[in-house]
Structure formats: C-alpha cells, structure tokens
Amino acid sequence: MRYSECVGDNKLILITLLVKLGVAAAVASALARSRTFQQLLFAEHRRHRQTAGMLAFFLLPLTLGVWVRTTVPNFLAADISFETVILLGLLVGPVWAMVGGAVLAVPAVLHHEYLALPFNAALGLAAGILGRFVEMEEIWSFTPFIDLSLYRWVRRNLRKPRIDRQILMLFLIVVLEIFREWLARLYPNRLFALNTEVWGFQVMVWLCAPMVVGIALKVWNALRIELKLEEQKRLLLEARLDALQRQINPHFLFNTLNSIASLVRVKPELAREMTVKLANILRALLKDHDTYVPLREELSFTDDYLAIEVVRFGAEKLRVEKEIDPRTLEVLVPSILLQPLIENSIKHGLEPRINGGTVTLRSRLNGDRVTIEVADDGVGMGDRAATGLHRTGAGIGMKNVQERLEVLFGKEAHFSIVSNPGRGTMVSIEFPAQLPDVH
C-alpha cells in the first residue's frame, strides 16, 4: 500500500487519526516547556533572526516526522506537516510559512512526492493571508471542539448575522485538506494524503486537520494565559511594594521635621546640622533606587538618620552599637529596611526611658540566609509582642517592613519580635541572602 493511497484499510486510518492528535499534543507540550520557545512564540515583535529561531523549533522535530513517515511503514501519524504549515502561516505570516513549508517538504520530495514542495508553499501563502485577516486573539481562542464552534456560530448568527472569523478559519482549513486529498487522488504517489473510500472515515480525515491545529493552539494559549497571569501578579506585587515604600517617606519626613522644629529656637546650630543631614536623606530618597540595595548602602543611609536622633536626644542618652558581619555588607536587602525598625526602637523603646539607652544593629550570615537584628534596651512591649504586630503600637513603619518582606520573599522570610518588659525589644529578620550581579 502506497502512502498516498491509504484506501481500504479503514482501521489504519482511524488509528492514524487518533495517534496524530496525540502527536500534535505531545509536540506542542514539548515545545511549550522551552523558555526560549515561549519568548519567541509570545513576542509582540520579532526580528528576522528570532523568527528564524522560532521556525527551527517547529522544523527540526516535524521535518524528522515527515522523514519517519516516508521510511517507516504504517507510521503515517508522524507527518503533521500540513497542520504545521497552517500554524506557521497563522503565527508568523505567509513568507516564513512558505519557507517552513519548503523545508518540511524536503523528505517528501526525496521520496518522489514532487508536489509536496509547491503545495506546501501555496499552503503557507494561503494560511499566512488568513492569519493577516484574523485577529491574533481569535487565533489563540480557536477551538478544536468543532461542534461547539458550529453551535455558537449558528446561535449568534440567528440573532445577528455576521462574519465569524473562527468559523472561517475552520472552514478554510477543511477546504485546504479536501484540496490536498483531491490532488493526492489526481496525482497518485506525488503528494501524501490519507484517502479512503468510506465517506464517514474521509470526513473524519478532513476534520482532523483543524483538530490538530486547535490542539496546538489550545496548549500554547493555556501557557500564554498562565504567563499573563504571572505577569499581572508580578505587576500587582510591584505596585503594592511601591505603595508600601512610598508610605515610609512622608512618615519618616514628618517625624524628622518634628525633631528639627523642637530644636530651632533652643539649639539653632544643632537644628542646622540636622537640616543638612535631612537634606542628605531626602536626596537619597528622591533618587531613583532599586528595590534591593547592598547592606553597606542601607547602613550608610541609616547613619544619617541616627545622627539626627543622636543630636535630638543627646549622645549621653542615645548610644548606637553595631555588630556587623563583614560578609553581609554586600548582601542585597530591601531598600529603607532598617530605618523604620530603628525608629520604632527609639520611639517606643528608648524615648519613654528617662536615661535613654542603646540601639544595637547586628547582622550575620548563616549558610545561604542572612539575619539582621535591631535591638534596644528600652522599656519593652510587654505581652503586646505576642499578640501580633498590628497591636504592638509600633505604627505603620513596623507593619510596612513586615508586608514588604512578605511581598518580596513570601514564606522564605521570617519576621519575629522578642520583648521583655523593662529589658528591651529585639526585632529579627531572616531571608535568603542575595549578592549583586557582577558585570
């Protein structure tokens, strides 16, 4: 039995159609696993080199499938070149679809199926023109469930007649398949097609083509929707993070200006010094900065804030100690992470004490995780620390830090507060250590 004359063996036809659907789903799923293929497939604008790379993903396995069909008896389902050329026309346009069709025809031409090359080129041109006529969203939403498409088409057009481009796609794919089958009958052994004398089986052959095209598009569209949802989630997290970070600036500015205002009349020189420090801080805040900064840079930022607070309280009432592991200085941390914690220690821990106290900053590296601690020997928070951060009276700063850690690290971040009445409070943060990229 010649490949272009699959007449009489209806069982082979049926098995071939079923396997063909499985091959289409398997190839589409395998391609979808490649991150490079995803980027090329869903790119809004492709350069010629990118389009050629995308064609390579299609042509390498599927040209091999055509070769297998021409050399392995009764393995006709390996050849899905017809549907592949249609997909290329819909996704990359007529010119590249014609190129892809020509490449897919090479094994068939070597097998003396000389009509394969001109047919594939003409098919790529027709599919490419169809792709230009149909909106991209309509291509992605094309469904292999033909009965549902026809049902929706009939229901919509009974109420308001219009051109349904998805039904047009389905109709033209079937017509092109019928034309291929007619050419294969007219020129035996010069073009591959599944032919049978049984009408019902031949209809299934015709309908299999849009099913294969639809299956591939459904697999990739599901991936496209998933990637879009991930992108929307990322944008939402970035917006939330930006909103949280913007909350810090007016909150911090308000408290610092209050400190300066309290010294303007009694200690104008100190107020001037604090104003200069505040200007340095505002310059850093107004400058575009990344979500993450090295701990060294974050400590430099907090030094200006602590200098303002030391001036306000007096060096004898506010002492600052640092126990910084040198290995942690280049670790990336969320920007403006320490200032709200230090402010909380001073405002709620040390300020109520007559004699003031000490704020201690610590950092250490534990394997691939970094731990940062802000501790004070102030009045403590009593039982409030055990009842949750939102009831500690710590205000927006502490809650902000916790929410930012949740946004950036999720469950990988740990935020804890340990407080003893009259002995002080320690806030501990732990998250995965990241080092900046070195270019």
Protein backbone atom coordinates (compact mmCIF):
# COMPACT_ATOMS: atom_id res chain seq x y z
CA MET A 1 0.00 0.00 0.00
CA ARG A 2 1.45 3.37 -1.07
CA TYR A 3 1.37 6.22 1.44
CA SER A 4 -0.72 8.43 -0.83
CA GLU A 5 -3.26 5.70 -1.41
CA CYS A 6 -4.40 4.63 2.03
CA VAL A 7 -7.52 3.06 0.58
CA GLY A 8 -9.34 0.16 2.13
CA ASP A 9 -7.55 -0.10 5.46
CA ASN A 10 -10.04 1.93 7.47
CA LYS A 11 -8.77 0.61 10.76
CA LEU A 12 -5.33 2.03 9.94
CA ILE A 13 -6.95 5.36 9.04
CA LEU A 14 -8.76 5.55 12.38
CA ILE A 15 -5.65 4.61 14.38
CA THR A 16 -3.60 7.12 12.40
CA LEU A 17 -6.03 9.93 13.16
CA LEU A 18 -6.03 9.16 16.89
CA VAL A 19 -2.23 8.91 17.04
CA LYS A 20 -1.96 12.12 15.02
CA LEU A 21 -3.92 14.01 17.67
CA GLY A 22 -1.62 12.59 20.33
CA VAL A 23 1.49 13.53 18.35
CA ALA A 24 0.22 17.09 17.97
CA ALA A 25 -0.45 17.43 21.70
CA ALA A 26 2.91 15.89 22.60
CA VAL A 27 4.92 18.10 20.25
CA ALA A 28 3.04 21.25 21.32
CA SER A 29 3.58 20.42 25.00
CA ALA A 30 7.27 19.62 24.48
CA LEU A 31 7.88 22.91 22.67
CA ALA A 32 5.98 24.82 25.37
CA ARG A 33 8.44 23.62 28.01
CA SER A 34 11.26 25.60 26.41
CA ARG A 35 11.63 29.08 27.86
CA THR A 36 13.27 30.27 24.64
CA PHE A 37 10.35 28.98 22.56
CA GLN A 38 7.91 30.74 24.90
CA GLN A 39 9.71 34.04 24.48
CA LEU A 40 9.80 33.70 20.69
CA LEU A 41 6.21 32.50 20.37
CA PHE A 42 4.65 35.23 22.52
CA ALA A 43 6.89 38.11 21.42
CA GLU A 44 4.86 41.03 20.09
CA HIS A 45 7.58 41.96 17.61
CA ARG A 46 10.22 39.55 16.30
CA ARG A 47 13.37 40.31 14.38
CA HIS A 48 14.20 38.11 11.42
CA ARG A 49 16.72 36.15 13.46
CA GLN A 50 14.13 35.50 16.16
CA THR A 51 11.55 34.34 13.61
CA ALA A 52 14.14 32.01 12.08
CA GLY A 53 14.87 30.64 15.55
CA MET A 54 11.18 30.06 16.14
CA LEU A 55 10.93 28.21 12.80
CA ALA A 56 13.81 25.99 13.88
CA PHE A 57 11.82 24.86 16.93
CA PHE A 58 8.99 23.78 14.62
CA LEU A 59 11.00 22.34 11.74
CA LEU A 60 13.63 20.24 13.48
CA PRO A 61 11.22 17.71 15.07
CA LEU A 62 8.47 17.92 12.46
CA THR A 63 10.70 17.53 9.40
CA LEU A 64 12.02 14.44 11.15
CA GLY A 65 8.39 13.30 11.45
CA VAL A 66 7.92 13.60 7.69
CA TRP A 67 11.08 11.56 7.15
CA VAL A 68 9.81 8.89 9.57
CA ARG A 69 6.52 8.71 7.68
CA THR A 70 8.33 8.12 4.39
CA THR A 71 10.61 5.41 5.77
CA VAL A 72 8.67 3.56 8.48
CA PRO A 73 5.69 1.51 7.24
CA ASN A 74 2.28 2.31 8.73
CA PHE A 75 3.52 5.23 10.82
CA LEU A 76 1.63 7.87 8.93
CA ALA A 77 0.72 9.90 12.03
CA ALA A 78 4.30 11.18 12.35
CA ASP A 79 3.63 13.54 9.45
CA ILE A 80 1.73 16.63 10.59
CA SER A 81 3.41 18.93 8.07
CA PHE A 82 0.05 20.13 6.67
CA GLU A 83 -1.10 21.40 10.07
CA THR A 84 2.36 22.79 10.88
CA VAL A 85 2.40 24.96 7.76
CA ILE A 86 -1.04 26.30 8.69
CA LEU A 87 0.18 27.12 12.21
CA LEU A 88 3.22 28.90 10.79
CA GLY A 89 1.01 30.92 8.47
CA LEU A 90 -1.26 31.96 11.32
CA LEU A 91 1.57 32.78 13.74
CA VAL A 92 4.47 34.14 11.64
CA GLY A 93 2.98 35.20 8.31
CA PRO A 94 2.98 33.99 4.70
CA VAL A 95 6.67 34.40 3.78
CA TRP A 96 8.05 32.46 6.72
CA ALA A 97 5.27 29.88 6.40
CA MET A 98 6.27 29.29 2.77
CA VAL A 99 9.90 28.85 3.86
CA GLY A 100 8.85 26.42 6.59
CA GLY A 101 6.63 24.52 4.19
CA ALA A 102 9.51 24.16 1.74
CA VAL A 103 11.78 22.75 4.45
CA LEU A 104 9.09 20.30 5.60
CA ALA A 105 8.67 19.13 2.00
CA VAL A 106 12.32 18.07 1.58
CA PRO A 107 11.95 14.47 2.92
CA ALA A 108 8.76 14.03 0.86
CA VAL A 109 10.44 15.28 -2.33
CA LEU A 110 13.33 12.89 -1.72
CA HIS A 111 10.62 10.20 -1.53
CA HIS A 112 9.45 11.26 -5.03
CA GLU A 113 6.42 13.20 -3.76
CA TYR A 114 7.26 16.13 -6.00
CA LEU A 115 4.03 18.04 -5.43
CA ALA A 116 4.84 18.43 -1.73
CA LEU A 117 7.06 21.46 -2.26
CA PRO A 118 4.71 23.63 -4.38
CA PHE A 119 1.71 22.52 -2.34
CA ASN A 120 3.34 23.44 0.99
CA ALA A 121 4.46 26.80 -0.41
CA ALA A 122 0.94 27.59 -1.63
CA LEU A 123 -0.50 26.35 1.68
CA GLY A 124 1.85 28.63 3.63
CA LEU A 125 0.81 31.60 1.50
CA ALA A 126 -2.91 30.86 1.99
CA ALA A 127 -2.53 30.31 5.76
CA GLY A 128 -0.44 33.47 6.08
CA ILE A 129 -3.07 35.56 4.31
CA LEU A 130 -5.71 34.04 6.59
CA GLY A 131 -3.58 34.93 9.62
CA ARG A 132 -3.38 38.56 8.48
CA PHE A 133 -7.16 38.68 8.11
CA VAL A 134 -7.94 37.18 11.54
CA GLU A 135 -7.18 38.94 14.84
CA MET A 136 -4.48 37.35 16.99
CA GLU A 137 -6.86 36.82 19.89
CA GLU A 138 -9.21 34.92 17.57
CA ILE A 139 -6.33 32.70 16.51
CA TRP A 140 -5.40 31.93 20.11
CA SER A 141 -9.01 31.20 21.04
CA PHE A 142 -9.54 28.87 18.07
CA THR A 143 -11.03 25.68 19.49
CA PRO A 144 -10.66 22.09 18.28
CA PHE A 145 -14.16 21.34 19.58
CA ILE A 146 -15.79 21.83 16.24
CA ASP A 147 -19.33 21.03 17.35
CA LEU A 148 -19.21 23.80 19.94
CA SER A 149 -17.87 26.28 17.39
CA LEU A 150 -20.64 25.47 14.96
CA TYR A 151 -23.25 25.67 17.74
CA ARG A 152 -22.02 29.11 18.82
CA TRP A 153 -21.88 30.27 15.21
CA VAL A 154 -25.45 29.19 14.50
CA ARG A 155 -26.76 30.70 17.74
CA ARG A 156 -25.02 34.04 17.17
CA ASN A 157 -25.94 34.35 13.51
CA LEU A 158 -29.60 33.54 14.06
CA ARG A 159 -29.81 36.67 16.21
CA LYS A 160 -27.37 38.91 14.35
CA PRO A 161 -25.77 37.66 11.12
CA ARG A 162 -22.07 38.47 10.83
CA ILE A 163 -18.79 37.00 9.62
CA ASP A 164 -17.37 34.65 12.25
CA ARG A 165 -13.64 34.50 11.61
CA GLN A 166 -13.11 31.42 13.75
CA ILE A 167 -15.66 29.50 11.70
CA LEU A 168 -13.97 30.92 8.61
CA MET A 169 -10.66 29.51 9.85
CA LEU A 170 -12.24 26.13 10.49
CA PHE A 171 -13.94 26.12 7.09
CA LEU A 172 -10.80 27.10 5.15
CA ILE A 173 -8.62 24.52 6.92
CA VAL A 174 -11.13 21.82 5.99
CA VAL A 175 -11.29 23.09 2.40
CA LEU A 176 -7.49 23.06 2.11
CA GLU A 177 -7.43 19.50 3.47
CA ILE A 178 -10.05 18.45 0.93
CA PHE A 179 -7.98 20.09 -1.82
CA ARG A 180 -4.88 18.17 -0.70
CA GLU A 181 -6.80 14.91 -0.75
CA TRP A 182 -8.13 15.72 -4.25
CA LEU A 183 -4.61 16.42 -5.54
CA ALA A 184 -3.33 13.20 -3.98
CA ARG A 185 -6.03 11.24 -5.80
CA LEU A 186 -5.38 13.10 -9.05
CA TYR A 187 -1.61 12.54 -8.90
CA PRO A 188 -1.01 9.26 -7.03
CA ASN A 189 2.26 8.98 -5.11
CA ARG A 190 3.16 12.64 -5.78
CA LEU A 191 1.51 14.10 -2.67
CA PHE A 192 0.80 12.50 0.68
CA ALA A 193 -2.77 12.41 1.97
CA LEU A 194 -4.97 9.99 3.88
CA ASN A 195 -7.57 8.66 1.44
CA THR A 196 -10.41 6.21 1.98
CA GLU A 197 -13.47 5.19 0.02
CA VAL A 198 -15.65 5.20 3.13
CA TRP A 199 -17.41 8.55 3.36
CA GLY A 200 -17.57 8.68 7.15
CA PHE A 201 -13.86 8.00 7.55
CA GLN A 202 -12.98 10.58 4.92
CA VAL A 203 -14.98 13.22 6.79
CA MET A 204 -13.00 12.36 9.92
CA VAL A 205 -9.78 12.85 7.94
CA TRP A 206 -10.95 16.30 6.83
CA LEU A 207 -11.96 17.31 10.36
CA CYS A 208 -8.75 16.00 11.91
CA ALA A 209 -6.72 18.86 10.43
CA PRO A 210 -8.48 21.70 12.32
CA MET A 211 -8.45 19.47 15.42
CA VAL A 212 -4.65 19.19 15.25
CA VAL A 213 -4.28 22.95 14.67
CA GLY A 214 -6.70 23.67 17.50
CA ILE A 215 -4.96 21.34 19.95
CA ALA A 216 -1.59 23.05 19.42
CA LEU A 217 -3.15 26.48 19.79
CA LYS A 218 -5.03 25.40 22.93
CA VAL A 219 -1.83 24.11 24.56
CA TRP A 220 0.05 27.32 23.80
CA ASN A 221 -2.87 29.57 24.68
CA ALA A 222 -3.15 27.94 28.10
CA LEU A 223 0.54 28.69 28.60
CA ARG A 224 0.04 32.24 27.31
CA ILE A 225 -2.76 32.84 29.80
CA GLU A 226 -0.66 31.40 32.62
CA LEU A 227 2.27 33.67 31.74
CA LYS A 228 -0.06 36.66 31.55
CA LEU A 229 -1.44 35.85 34.99
CA GLU A 230 2.09 35.58 36.36
CA GLU A 231 2.96 38.92 34.79
CA GLN A 232 -0.17 40.53 36.25
CA LYS A 233 0.70 39.07 39.64
CA ARG A 234 4.23 40.46 39.36
CA LEU A 235 2.94 43.90 38.38
CA LEU A 236 0.47 43.81 41.26
CA LEU A 237 3.22 42.92 43.73
CA GLU A 238 5.42 45.68 42.33
CA ALA A 239 2.58 48.19 42.67
CA ARG A 240 1.91 47.05 46.22
CA LEU A 241 5.61 47.23 47.07
CA ASP A 242 5.85 50.71 45.57
CA ALA A 243 2.83 51.81 47.61
CA LEU A 244 4.36 50.40 50.79
CA GLN A 245 7.67 52.07 50.12
CA ARG A 246 6.01 55.41 49.43
CA GLN A 247 4.35 55.19 52.84
CA ILE A 248 7.77 55.34 54.50
CA ASN A 249 8.88 58.65 53.04
CA PRO A 250 6.18 61.02 54.42
CA HIS A 251 6.10 59.06 57.67
CA PHE A 252 9.85 59.42 58.14
CA LEU A 253 9.87 63.05 56.96
CA PHE A 254 7.10 64.01 59.39
CA ASN A 255 8.99 62.64 62.40
CA THR A 256 12.31 64.19 61.35
CA LEU A 257 10.78 67.63 60.78
CA ASN A 258 9.21 67.42 64.24
CA SER A 259 12.67 66.76 65.66
CA ILE A 260 14.14 69.75 63.84
CA ALA A 261 11.25 72.02 64.87
CA SER A 262 11.86 71.21 68.52
CA LEU A 263 15.46 72.48 68.27
CA VAL A 264 15.09 75.55 66.04
CA ARG A 265 14.75 78.03 68.94
CA VAL A 266 16.76 76.39 71.69
CA LYS A 267 19.64 74.95 69.65
CA PRO A 268 19.70 76.57 66.19
CA GLU A 269 23.16 75.20 65.31
CA LEU A 270 22.03 71.69 66.02
CA ALA A 271 18.87 72.32 64.04
CA ARG A 272 21.03 73.46 61.12
CA GLU A 273 23.16 70.32 61.40
CA MET A 274 20.04 68.18 61.43
CA THR A 275 18.69 70.03 58.39
CA VAL A 276 21.87 69.16 56.46
CA LYS A 277 21.50 65.52 57.49
CA LEU A 278 17.85 65.60 56.46
CA ALA A 279 18.83 67.02 53.06
CA ASN A 280 21.21 64.09 52.57
CA ILE A 281 18.44 61.67 53.45
CA LEU A 282 15.89 63.33 51.16
CA ARG A 283 18.43 63.33 48.33
CA ALA A 284 18.77 59.58 48.77
CA LEU A 285 15.00 59.09 48.99
CA LEU A 286 14.24 61.18 45.90
CA LYS A 287 16.90 59.46 43.83
CA ASP A 288 15.64 56.52 41.77
CA HIS A 289 16.77 53.43 43.60
CA ASP A 290 16.33 49.74 43.17
CA THR A 291 14.11 47.52 45.26
CA TYR A 292 17.27 45.95 46.70
CA VAL A 293 20.46 47.66 47.82
CA PRO A 294 23.65 46.28 49.41
CA LEU A 295 23.55 46.25 53.21
CA ARG A 296 26.56 48.58 53.17
CA GLU A 297 24.46 51.24 51.39
CA GLU A 298 21.49 50.68 53.70
CA LEU A 299 23.72 51.15 56.77
CA SER A 300 25.07 54.38 55.30
CA PHE A 301 21.51 55.65 54.89
CA THR A 302 20.61 54.81 58.49
CA ASP A 303 23.76 56.55 59.78
CA ASP A 304 22.32 59.92 58.74
CA TYR A 305 19.04 59.13 60.46
CA LEU A 306 20.81 58.01 63.64
CA ALA A 307 22.97 61.14 63.56
CA ILE A 308 19.78 63.24 63.61
CA GLU A 309 18.36 61.24 66.50
CA VAL A 310 21.60 61.40 68.48
CA VAL A 311 21.61 65.19 68.12
CA ARG A 312 17.99 65.36 69.23
CA PHE A 313 18.37 63.06 72.24
CA GLY A 314 21.98 63.81 73.13
CA ALA A 315 24.93 61.47 72.87
CA GLU A 316 24.63 60.59 76.56
CA LYS A 317 21.03 59.35 76.16
CA LEU A 318 21.18 57.60 72.78
CA ARG A 319 24.02 55.24 72.03
CA VAL A 320 24.42 53.18 68.88
CA GLU A 321 26.34 49.92 68.64
CA LYS A 322 26.98 47.81 65.56
CA GLU A 323 27.87 44.14 65.33
CA ILE A 324 28.02 43.71 61.57
CA ASP A 325 29.42 40.59 59.95
CA PRO A 326 31.70 41.85 57.13
CA ARG A 327 30.43 39.04 54.88
CA THR A 328 26.97 40.56 54.94
CA LEU A 329 27.94 44.04 53.72
CA GLU A 330 27.41 43.18 50.04
CA VAL A 331 24.25 41.14 50.61
CA LEU A 332 21.22 42.70 48.93
CA VAL A 333 18.48 43.84 51.30
CA PRO A 334 15.18 45.67 50.67
CA SER A 335 15.88 49.39 50.49
CA ILE A 336 14.90 51.52 53.52
CA LEU A 337 14.62 48.36 55.62
CA LEU A 338 16.40 49.35 58.82
CA GLN A 339 15.22 52.92 59.38
CA PRO A 340 11.62 52.01 60.38
CA LEU A 341 12.94 49.39 62.80
CA ILE A 342 15.45 51.79 64.36
CA GLU A 343 12.79 54.48 64.60
CA ASN A 344 10.49 52.04 66.39
CA SER A 345 13.24 51.14 68.89
CA ILE A 346 13.91 54.79 69.67
CA LYS A 347 10.30 55.97 69.78
CA HIS A 348 8.70 53.06 71.64
CA GLY A 349 11.68 51.62 73.50
CA LEU A 350 14.13 54.35 74.50
CA GLU A 351 12.19 57.62 74.42
CA PRO A 352 9.92 56.64 77.37
CA ARG A 353 13.03 55.96 79.48
CA ILE A 354 14.46 58.88 81.42
CA ASN A 355 18.04 57.70 80.92
CA GLY A 356 17.64 56.70 77.27
CA GLY A 357 19.54 53.63 76.18
CA THR A 358 21.30 51.79 73.36
CA VAL A 359 20.24 50.67 69.91
CA THR A 360 22.21 47.72 68.58
CA LEU A 361 22.40 46.66 64.94
CA ARG A 362 23.55 43.14 64.17
CA SER A 363 23.95 41.09 61.01
CA ARG A 364 25.24 37.60 60.37
CA LEU A 365 25.35 35.09 57.57
CA ASN A 366 24.03 31.58 58.17
CA GLY A 367 24.71 29.49 55.08
CA ASP A 368 22.57 30.95 52.30
CA ARG A 369 20.45 33.10 54.64
CA VAL A 370 21.13 36.45 56.25
CA THR A 371 19.86 37.53 59.66
CA ILE A 372 19.50 41.18 60.65
CA GLU A 373 18.59 42.29 64.17
CA VAL A 374 17.65 45.65 65.63
CA ALA A 375 17.66 45.56 69.45
CA ASP A 376 17.21 48.11 72.19
CA ASP A 377 17.41 48.04 76.00
CA GLY A 378 14.33 50.18 76.43
CA VAL A 379 11.04 49.70 78.24
CA GLY A 380 9.95 46.70 76.15
CA MET A 381 6.48 45.93 74.85
CA GLY A 382 5.20 43.52 77.48
CA ASP A 383 2.68 40.99 76.26
CA ARG A 384 1.83 43.04 73.20
CA ALA A 385 4.57 41.42 71.12
CA ALA A 386 2.88 38.05 71.49
CA THR A 387 -0.47 39.31 70.26
CA GLY A 388 0.66 40.27 66.81
CA LEU A 389 2.40 43.16 65.15
CA HIS A 390 -0.77 45.11 64.38
CA ARG A 391 -1.47 45.54 68.10
CA THR A 392 2.01 46.48 69.31
CA GLY A 393 1.54 50.18 68.79
CA ALA A 394 4.57 50.14 66.54
CA GLY A 395 2.71 52.09 63.87
CA ILE A 396 2.99 52.00 60.12
CA GLY A 397 6.76 51.51 59.97
CA MET A 398 6.96 48.04 61.51
CA LYS A 399 3.89 46.75 59.67
CA ASN A 400 5.31 48.16 56.48
CA VAL A 401 8.56 46.25 56.88
CA GLN A 402 6.72 43.00 57.53
CA GLU A 403 4.44 43.46 54.50
CA ARG A 404 7.37 44.30 52.22
CA LEU A 405 9.18 41.15 53.30
CA GLU A 406 6.07 39.10 52.57
CA VAL A 407 5.78 40.67 49.10
CA LEU A 408 9.45 40.19 48.24
CA PHE A 409 10.22 36.82 49.81
CA GLY A 410 6.90 35.20 50.70
CA LYS A 411 7.32 32.32 53.12
CA GLU A 412 11.11 32.47 52.72
CA ALA A 413 11.25 35.49 55.05
CA HIS A 414 10.90 35.31 58.83
CA PHE A 415 9.99 38.32 60.97
CA SER A 416 9.96 37.98 64.75
CA ILE A 417 9.77 40.24 67.80
CA VAL A 418 11.07 39.29 71.23
CA SER A 419 10.35 41.76 74.04
CA ASN A 420 10.74 41.75 77.80
CA PRO A 421 9.24 44.49 80.00
CA GLY A 422 11.97 46.77 81.32
CA ARG A 423 14.69 44.94 79.43
CA GLY A 424 14.11 45.87 75.82
CA THR A 425 12.96 44.57 72.46
CA MET A 426 14.68 42.77 69.61
CA VAL A 427 13.32 42.61 66.06
CA SER A 428 14.86 39.83 63.98
CA ILE A 429 14.59 39.44 60.21
CA GLU A 430 15.83 36.47 58.23
CA PHE A 431 15.63 35.97 54.46
CA PRO A 432 17.62 34.38 51.60
CA ALA A 433 20.99 36.02 51.01
CA GLN A 434 21.43 37.52 47.56
CA LEU A 435 24.60 39.03 46.15
CA PRO A 436 24.59 41.68 43.40
CA ASP A 437 25.36 40.57 39.85
CA VAL A 438 28.92 41.29 38.84
CA HIS A 439 29.26 42.53 35.26
